[in-house]
Amino acid sequence: MTPFRMIFKSYIQRNREQLITVVNGQGVPICGSGNIISESSIVLNDVLHVPQLANNLISVQKLTKDLNCSVTFFSTNCIFQNLATGKTILTAKEAMKSYLIVSQKSLTSFPYA
């Protein structure tokens, strides 16, 4: 999920209002969905556009399924590895009870839960 409309490579606007429930119990609208290509060339499919979010949020379950990878958590970081090759796809560092994915090609970070 992301609040940032401009990062979508493809986008479909939602005609009827659908809500997601955020951590405080409030329902916030999903305005659309589409695909995003990260700076490290990873394609994220069916990403929800939720303008009222403060940050990008990524589902670990969806990411491991879509990218055919495993994730290993350590005390201060985690790594995502391709199941077929064992190659590290992404790394993330712990920050404020979440993890920030650090792009392999730049220092751009994406928080996920």
N, C-alpha and C. Protein backbone atom coordinates (compact mmCIF):
# COMPACT_ATOMS: atom_id res chain seq x y z
N MET A 1 0.85 -1.17 0.00
CA MET A 1 0.00 0.00 0.00
C MET A 1 0.89 1.23 0.00
N THR A 2 0.43 2.25 -0.67
CA THR A 2 1.20 3.49 -0.73
C THR A 2 0.26 4.70 -0.80
N PRO A 3 0.69 5.82 -0.22
CA PRO A 3 -0.08 7.05 -0.38
C PRO A 3 0.33 7.83 -1.63
N PHE A 4 1.37 7.37 -2.32
CA PHE A 4 1.98 8.15 -3.39
C PHE A 4 1.50 7.72 -4.77
N ARG A 5 0.59 8.45 -5.36
CA ARG A 5 0.03 8.13 -6.68
C ARG A 5 1.09 8.16 -7.76
N MET A 6 2.06 9.07 -7.66
CA MET A 6 3.03 9.28 -8.73
C MET A 6 4.02 8.13 -8.92
N ILE A 7 4.09 7.17 -8.00
CA ILE A 7 5.06 6.09 -8.17
C ILE A 7 4.50 4.89 -8.94
N PHE A 8 3.23 4.91 -9.29
CA PHE A 8 2.63 3.81 -10.04
C PHE A 8 3.06 3.84 -11.50
N LYS A 9 3.40 2.67 -12.04
CA LYS A 9 3.70 2.53 -13.47
C LYS A 9 2.43 2.25 -14.25
N SER A 10 1.49 1.55 -13.63
CA SER A 10 0.15 1.35 -14.19
C SER A 10 -0.83 1.57 -13.04
N TYR A 11 -2.04 2.01 -13.36
CA TYR A 11 -2.96 2.41 -12.30
C TYR A 11 -4.40 2.24 -12.77
N ILE A 12 -5.23 1.69 -11.89
CA ILE A 12 -6.67 1.57 -12.14
C ILE A 12 -7.39 2.24 -10.97
N GLN A 13 -8.18 3.26 -11.29
CA GLN A 13 -8.92 3.96 -10.25
C GLN A 13 -10.12 3.12 -9.83
N ARG A 14 -10.42 3.11 -8.54
CA ARG A 14 -11.58 2.36 -8.02
C ARG A 14 -12.82 3.23 -8.15
N ASN A 15 -13.89 2.65 -8.69
CA ASN A 15 -15.14 3.39 -8.87
C ASN A 15 -15.99 3.40 -7.60
N ARG A 16 -15.98 2.30 -6.87
CA ARG A 16 -16.76 2.27 -5.63
C ARG A 16 -15.80 2.33 -4.45
N GLU A 17 -16.26 2.91 -3.39
CA GLU A 17 -15.39 3.09 -2.23
C GLU A 17 -15.19 1.79 -1.47
N GLN A 18 -13.95 1.44 -1.28
CA GLN A 18 -13.57 0.33 -0.42
C GLN A 18 -12.66 0.90 0.66
N LEU A 19 -12.77 0.35 1.85
CA LEU A 19 -11.98 0.85 2.97
C LEU A 19 -11.03 -0.23 3.48
N ILE A 20 -9.90 0.22 4.01
CA ILE A 20 -9.04 -0.66 4.80
C ILE A 20 -9.01 -0.10 6.21
N THR A 21 -8.80 -0.95 7.17
CA THR A 21 -8.73 -0.52 8.56
C THR A 21 -7.27 -0.36 8.95
N VAL A 22 -6.92 0.82 9.43
CA VAL A 22 -5.55 1.09 9.86
C VAL A 22 -5.41 0.81 11.35
N VAL A 23 -4.20 0.95 11.86
CA VAL A 23 -3.87 0.52 13.21
C VAL A 23 -4.74 1.16 14.30
N ASN A 24 -5.23 2.36 14.09
CA ASN A 24 -6.07 3.01 15.11
C ASN A 24 -7.54 2.61 15.00
N GLY A 25 -7.86 1.68 14.08
CA GLY A 25 -9.23 1.21 13.92
C GLY A 25 -10.05 2.01 12.92
N GLN A 26 -9.50 3.08 12.40
CA GLN A 26 -10.20 3.93 11.44
C GLN A 26 -10.21 3.28 10.06
N GLY A 27 -11.32 3.42 9.34
CA GLY A 27 -11.40 2.96 7.96
C GLY A 27 -10.98 4.08 7.02
N VAL A 28 -10.03 3.81 6.14
CA VAL A 28 -9.58 4.81 5.17
C VAL A 28 -9.78 4.26 3.77
N PRO A 29 -10.12 5.13 2.80
CA PRO A 29 -10.47 4.66 1.46
C PRO A 29 -9.28 4.22 0.61
N ILE A 30 -9.53 3.19 -0.20
CA ILE A 30 -8.61 2.76 -1.25
C ILE A 30 -9.06 3.48 -2.52
N CYS A 31 -8.20 4.28 -3.11
CA CYS A 31 -8.57 5.06 -4.29
C CYS A 31 -8.28 4.34 -5.60
N GLY A 32 -7.35 3.39 -5.58
CA GLY A 32 -7.00 2.67 -6.79
C GLY A 32 -5.95 1.61 -6.50
N SER A 33 -5.47 1.00 -7.57
CA SER A 33 -4.41 0.00 -7.43
C SER A 33 -3.63 -0.09 -8.73
N GLY A 34 -2.47 -0.71 -8.65
CA GLY A 34 -1.66 -0.85 -9.86
C GLY A 34 -0.32 -1.47 -9.54
N ASN A 35 0.60 -1.31 -10.48
CA ASN A 35 1.94 -1.89 -10.35
C ASN A 35 2.98 -0.81 -10.14
N ILE A 36 3.98 -1.16 -9.36
CA ILE A 36 5.09 -0.26 -9.06
C ILE A 36 6.38 -1.01 -9.38
N ILE A 37 7.34 -0.33 -9.97
CA ILE A 37 8.66 -0.90 -10.18
C ILE A 37 9.62 -0.13 -9.29
N SER A 38 10.26 -0.84 -8.36
CA SER A 38 11.16 -0.18 -7.42
C SER A 38 12.44 0.25 -8.12
N GLU A 39 13.23 1.06 -7.44
CA GLU A 39 14.51 1.52 -8.00
C GLU A 39 15.48 0.37 -8.21
N SER A 40 15.25 -0.75 -7.53
CA SER A 40 16.10 -1.93 -7.74
C SER A 40 15.46 -2.91 -8.72
N SER A 41 14.50 -2.40 -9.54
CA SER A 41 13.84 -3.14 -10.62
C SER A 41 12.96 -4.29 -10.15
N ILE A 42 12.48 -4.24 -8.94
CA ILE A 42 11.55 -5.24 -8.43
C ILE A 42 10.14 -4.77 -8.72
N VAL A 43 9.35 -5.63 -9.35
CA VAL A 43 7.97 -5.29 -9.70
C VAL A 43 7.05 -5.70 -8.56
N LEU A 44 6.28 -4.75 -8.08
CA LEU A 44 5.27 -4.99 -7.05
C LEU A 44 3.91 -4.87 -7.72
N ASN A 45 3.16 -5.97 -7.75
CA ASN A 45 1.87 -6.01 -8.43
C ASN A 45 0.72 -5.78 -7.46
N ASP A 46 -0.37 -5.24 -7.98
CA ASP A 46 -1.61 -5.05 -7.22
C ASP A 46 -1.40 -4.25 -5.94
N VAL A 47 -0.62 -3.19 -6.03
CA VAL A 47 -0.37 -2.31 -4.89
C VAL A 47 -1.58 -1.39 -4.72
N LEU A 48 -2.05 -1.25 -3.50
CA LEU A 48 -3.20 -0.39 -3.23
C LEU A 48 -2.76 1.06 -3.04
N HIS A 49 -3.54 1.98 -3.60
CA HIS A 49 -3.30 3.41 -3.41
C HIS A 49 -4.22 3.90 -2.30
N VAL A 50 -3.62 4.25 -1.17
CA VAL A 50 -4.36 4.70 0.01
C VAL A 50 -3.76 6.05 0.44
N PRO A 51 -4.30 7.16 -0.09
CA PRO A 51 -3.69 8.47 0.14
C PRO A 51 -3.54 8.88 1.61
N GLN A 52 -4.36 8.35 2.49
CA GLN A 52 -4.29 8.77 3.90
C GLN A 52 -3.19 8.07 4.70
N LEU A 53 -2.47 7.13 4.09
CA LEU A 53 -1.33 6.51 4.78
C LEU A 53 -0.19 7.51 4.88
N ALA A 54 0.66 7.33 5.86
CA ALA A 54 1.84 8.19 6.01
C ALA A 54 3.04 7.64 5.26
N ASN A 55 3.10 6.31 5.09
CA ASN A 55 4.25 5.65 4.47
C ASN A 55 3.80 4.51 3.58
N ASN A 56 4.74 3.98 2.81
CA ASN A 56 4.50 2.75 2.07
C ASN A 56 4.49 1.59 3.05
N LEU A 57 3.58 0.64 2.84
CA LEU A 57 3.52 -0.57 3.66
C LEU A 57 3.50 -1.77 2.73
N ILE A 58 4.34 -2.76 3.03
CA ILE A 58 4.43 -3.95 2.19
C ILE A 58 4.10 -5.18 3.03
N SER A 59 3.26 -6.05 2.50
CA SER A 59 2.95 -7.31 3.14
C SER A 59 4.10 -8.29 2.89
N VAL A 60 4.70 -8.79 3.96
CA VAL A 60 5.79 -9.75 3.83
C VAL A 60 5.28 -11.01 3.13
N GLN A 61 4.09 -11.48 3.49
CA GLN A 61 3.52 -12.68 2.88
C GLN A 61 3.36 -12.51 1.38
N LYS A 62 2.80 -11.38 0.95
CA LYS A 62 2.59 -11.14 -0.48
C LYS A 62 3.93 -11.00 -1.20
N LEU A 63 4.87 -10.32 -0.59
CA LEU A 63 6.18 -10.13 -1.21
C LEU A 63 6.90 -11.46 -1.41
N THR A 64 6.89 -12.32 -0.39
CA THR A 64 7.58 -13.61 -0.53
C THR A 64 6.90 -14.49 -1.56
N LYS A 65 5.58 -14.42 -1.66
CA LYS A 65 4.85 -15.21 -2.66
C LYS A 65 5.10 -14.68 -4.06
N ASP A 66 4.94 -13.37 -4.26
CA ASP A 66 5.09 -12.77 -5.59
C ASP A 66 6.51 -12.88 -6.13
N LEU A 67 7.50 -12.77 -5.25
CA LEU A 67 8.90 -12.79 -5.69
C LEU A 67 9.56 -14.16 -5.54
N ASN A 68 8.77 -15.16 -5.08
CA ASN A 68 9.30 -16.51 -4.87
C ASN A 68 10.58 -16.46 -4.04
N CYS A 69 10.45 -15.86 -2.86
CA CYS A 69 11.62 -15.69 -2.01
C CYS A 69 11.30 -16.05 -0.56
N SER A 70 12.34 -16.17 0.22
CA SER A 70 12.19 -16.38 1.66
C SER A 70 12.70 -15.14 2.37
N VAL A 71 12.29 -15.00 3.62
CA VAL A 71 12.79 -13.89 4.43
C VAL A 71 13.35 -14.45 5.73
N THR A 72 14.50 -13.94 6.12
CA THR A 72 15.12 -14.32 7.38
C THR A 72 15.26 -13.07 8.23
N PHE A 73 14.69 -13.12 9.44
CA PHE A 73 14.75 -11.98 10.35
C PHE A 73 15.88 -12.17 11.35
N PHE A 74 16.61 -11.09 11.58
CA PHE A 74 17.66 -11.03 12.58
C PHE A 74 17.27 -9.94 13.58
N SER A 75 18.09 -9.71 14.59
CA SER A 75 17.72 -8.74 15.63
C SER A 75 17.62 -7.31 15.12
N THR A 76 18.40 -6.94 14.12
CA THR A 76 18.38 -5.55 13.64
C THR A 76 18.14 -5.43 12.14
N ASN A 77 17.96 -6.55 11.45
CA ASN A 77 17.73 -6.48 10.01
C ASN A 77 17.08 -7.76 9.52
N CYS A 78 16.74 -7.79 8.25
CA CYS A 78 16.25 -9.01 7.61
C CYS A 78 16.69 -9.02 6.16
N ILE A 79 16.70 -10.22 5.58
CA ILE A 79 17.08 -10.35 4.17
C ILE A 79 16.05 -11.19 3.44
N PHE A 80 15.80 -10.83 2.20
CA PHE A 80 14.92 -11.58 1.30
C PHE A 80 15.81 -12.26 0.28
N GLN A 81 15.65 -13.59 0.13
CA GLN A 81 16.48 -14.34 -0.79
C GLN A 81 15.62 -15.13 -1.78
N ASN A 82 16.03 -15.12 -3.04
CA ASN A 82 15.37 -15.88 -4.09
C ASN A 82 15.45 -17.36 -3.74
N LEU A 83 14.31 -18.07 -3.79
CA LEU A 83 14.29 -19.48 -3.41
C LEU A 83 15.06 -20.35 -4.40
N ALA A 84 15.07 -19.99 -5.67
CA ALA A 84 15.74 -20.80 -6.69
C ALA A 84 17.25 -20.62 -6.68
N THR A 85 17.70 -19.38 -6.47
CA THR A 85 19.13 -19.08 -6.60
C THR A 85 19.84 -18.82 -5.28
N GLY A 86 19.08 -18.49 -4.24
CA GLY A 86 19.68 -18.12 -2.97
C GLY A 86 20.22 -16.70 -2.94
N LYS A 87 20.09 -15.99 -4.06
CA LYS A 87 20.60 -14.62 -4.17
C LYS A 87 19.76 -13.68 -3.31
N THR A 88 20.43 -12.74 -2.63
CA THR A 88 19.72 -11.73 -1.85
C THR A 88 19.05 -10.74 -2.78
N ILE A 89 17.74 -10.58 -2.61
CA ILE A 89 16.94 -9.67 -3.43
C ILE A 89 16.85 -8.30 -2.76
N LEU A 90 16.55 -8.32 -1.46
CA LEU A 90 16.36 -7.09 -0.68
C LEU A 90 16.96 -7.27 0.70
N THR A 91 17.32 -6.16 1.29
CA THR A 91 17.69 -6.14 2.70
C THR A 91 16.86 -5.06 3.38
N ALA A 92 16.64 -5.22 4.65
CA ALA A 92 15.88 -4.23 5.41
C ALA A 92 16.50 -4.07 6.78
N LYS A 93 16.43 -2.85 7.30
CA LYS A 93 16.98 -2.55 8.62
C LYS A 93 15.85 -2.16 9.56
N GLU A 94 15.96 -2.62 10.81
CA GLU A 94 14.95 -2.31 11.82
C GLU A 94 15.04 -0.84 12.19
N ALA A 95 13.87 -0.21 12.28
CA ALA A 95 13.79 1.20 12.67
C ALA A 95 12.41 1.46 13.26
N MET A 96 12.36 1.87 14.49
CA MET A 96 11.12 2.25 15.16
C MET A 96 10.04 1.17 15.06
N LYS A 97 10.39 -0.06 15.40
CA LYS A 97 9.47 -1.20 15.44
C LYS A 97 8.95 -1.62 14.07
N SER A 98 9.58 -1.18 13.02
CA SER A 98 9.26 -1.59 11.65
C SER A 98 10.58 -1.90 10.97
N TYR A 99 10.50 -2.29 9.72
CA TYR A 99 11.72 -2.50 8.93
C TYR A 99 11.67 -1.58 7.73
N LEU A 100 12.81 -1.02 7.37
CA LEU A 100 12.93 -0.19 6.19
C LEU A 100 13.69 -0.96 5.14
N ILE A 101 13.03 -1.20 4.00
CA ILE A 101 13.72 -1.88 2.90
C ILE A 101 14.67 -0.88 2.27
N VAL A 102 15.91 -1.28 2.13
CA VAL A 102 16.92 -0.43 1.53
C VAL A 102 17.16 -0.91 0.12
N SER A 103 16.94 -0.02 -0.85
CA SER A 103 17.14 -0.36 -2.25
C SER A 103 18.58 -0.75 -2.50
N GLN A 104 18.77 -1.74 -3.36
CA GLN A 104 20.12 -2.20 -3.70
C GLN A 104 20.85 -1.18 -4.57
N LYS A 105 20.11 -0.32 -5.31
CA LYS A 105 20.75 0.64 -6.22
C LYS A 105 20.84 2.04 -5.65
N SER A 106 20.11 2.31 -4.58
CA SER A 106 20.15 3.65 -3.99
C SER A 106 19.85 3.53 -2.51
N LEU A 107 19.80 4.64 -1.84
CA LEU A 107 19.49 4.63 -0.42
C LEU A 107 18.02 4.90 -0.15
N THR A 108 17.18 4.85 -1.18
CA THR A 108 15.75 5.03 -1.00
C THR A 108 15.21 3.89 -0.15
N SER A 109 14.40 4.20 0.84
CA SER A 109 13.88 3.18 1.73
C SER A 109 12.37 3.12 1.67
N PHE A 110 11.84 1.92 1.91
CA PHE A 110 10.41 1.69 1.92
C PHE A 110 10.04 0.97 3.20
N PRO A 111 9.26 1.60 4.11
CA PRO A 111 8.86 0.89 5.31
C PRO A 111 7.84 -0.20 5.00
N TYR A 112 7.90 -1.29 5.72
CA TYR A 112 6.90 -2.33 5.56
C TYR A 112 6.62 -2.97 6.90
N ALA A 113 5.47 -3.63 6.98
CA ALA A 113 5.06 -4.27 8.23
C ALA A 113 4.98 -5.76 8.04
